[in-house]
C-alpha atoms as a PDB file:
ATOM      1  CA  MET A   1      31.965  30.821 -72.524  1.00  0.00           C
ATOM      2  CA  GLU A   2      33.429  27.517 -72.369  1.00  0.00           C
ATOM      3  CA  SER A   3      36.754  25.544 -73.461  1.00  0.00           C
ATOM      4  CA  ALA A   4      37.621  22.149 -73.718  1.00  0.00           C
ATOM      5  CA  ALA A   5      41.416  22.364 -74.313  1.00  0.00           C
ATOM      6  CA  ALA A   6      43.266  19.223 -73.555  1.00  0.00           C
ATOM      7  CA  GLY A   7      40.002  17.649 -72.058  1.00  0.00           C
ATOM      8  CA  ALA A   8      39.954  19.891 -69.199  1.00  0.00           C
ATOM      9  CA  LYS A   9      36.409  22.137 -68.658  1.00  0.00           C
ATOM     10  CA  THR A  10      37.012  25.489 -68.346  1.00  0.00           C
ATOM     11  CA  ALA A  11      34.618  28.789 -67.750  1.00  0.00           C
ATOM     12  CA  VAL A  12      35.097  32.266 -67.996  1.00  0.00           C
ATOM     13  CA  HIS A  13      33.150  34.944 -66.484  1.00  0.00           C
ATOM     14  CA  GLU A  14      34.001  38.671 -66.692  1.00  0.00           C
ATOM     15  CA  MET A  15      33.482  40.573 -63.472  1.00  0.00           C
ATOM     16  CA  ASN A  16      33.989  44.160 -65.112  1.00  0.00           C
ATOM     17  CA  GLY A  17      34.771  46.958 -62.775  1.00  0.00           C
ATOM     18  CA  VAL A  18      35.275  45.104 -59.623  1.00  0.00           C
ATOM     19  CA  GLY A  19      39.024  44.699 -58.899  1.00  0.00           C
ATOM     20  CA  HIS A  20      40.379  42.072 -57.084  1.00  0.00           C
ATOM     21  CA  ALA A  21      37.224  42.630 -54.948  1.00  0.00           C
ATOM     22  CA  TYR A  22      34.372  39.563 -54.973  1.00  0.00           C
ATOM     23  CA  PRO A  23      30.833  41.132 -54.865  1.00  0.00           C
ATOM     24  CA  GLU A  24      27.843  39.659 -53.451  1.00  0.00           C
ATOM     25  CA  SER A  25      26.072  40.290 -56.415  1.00  0.00           C
ATOM     26  CA  GLU A  26      28.188  37.599 -58.217  1.00  0.00           C
ATOM     27  CA  TYR A  27      27.033  35.264 -55.758  1.00  0.00           C
ATOM     28  CA  PRO A  28      24.372  33.773 -57.781  1.00  0.00           C
ATOM     29  CA  ALA A  29      26.564  33.370 -60.697  1.00  0.00           C
ATOM     30  CA  VAL A  30      28.554  31.251 -58.648  1.00  0.00           C
ATOM     31  CA  ARG A  31      26.121  28.743 -57.517  1.00  0.00           C
ATOM     32  CA  ALA A  32      24.831  28.297 -61.147  1.00  0.00           C
ATOM     33  CA  TRP A  33      28.687  27.565 -62.357  1.00  0.00           C
ATOM     34  CA  LEU A  34      28.898  25.312 -58.915  1.00  0.00           C
ATOM     35  CA  ARG A  35      25.643  23.389 -59.816  1.00  0.00           C
ATOM     36  CA  GLY A  36      25.966  23.361 -63.702  1.00  0.00           C
ATOM     37  CA  PRO A  37      29.335  22.627 -65.460  1.00  0.00           C
ATOM     38  CA  VAL A  38      31.180  21.677 -62.628  1.00  0.00           C
ATOM     39  CA  LEU A  39      29.209  18.946 -61.396  1.00  0.00           C
ATOM     40  CA  LYS A  40      28.123  17.365 -64.877  1.00  0.00           C
END
């Protein structure tokens, strides 16, 4: 999901059941985000 409130680009990615940990299984989603919306 993306939002453009106040002209800022944002993205939301829910990671259910992981608490404050950042599991390796989420790395591909971060790579895709960095290569996609952030750099555009």
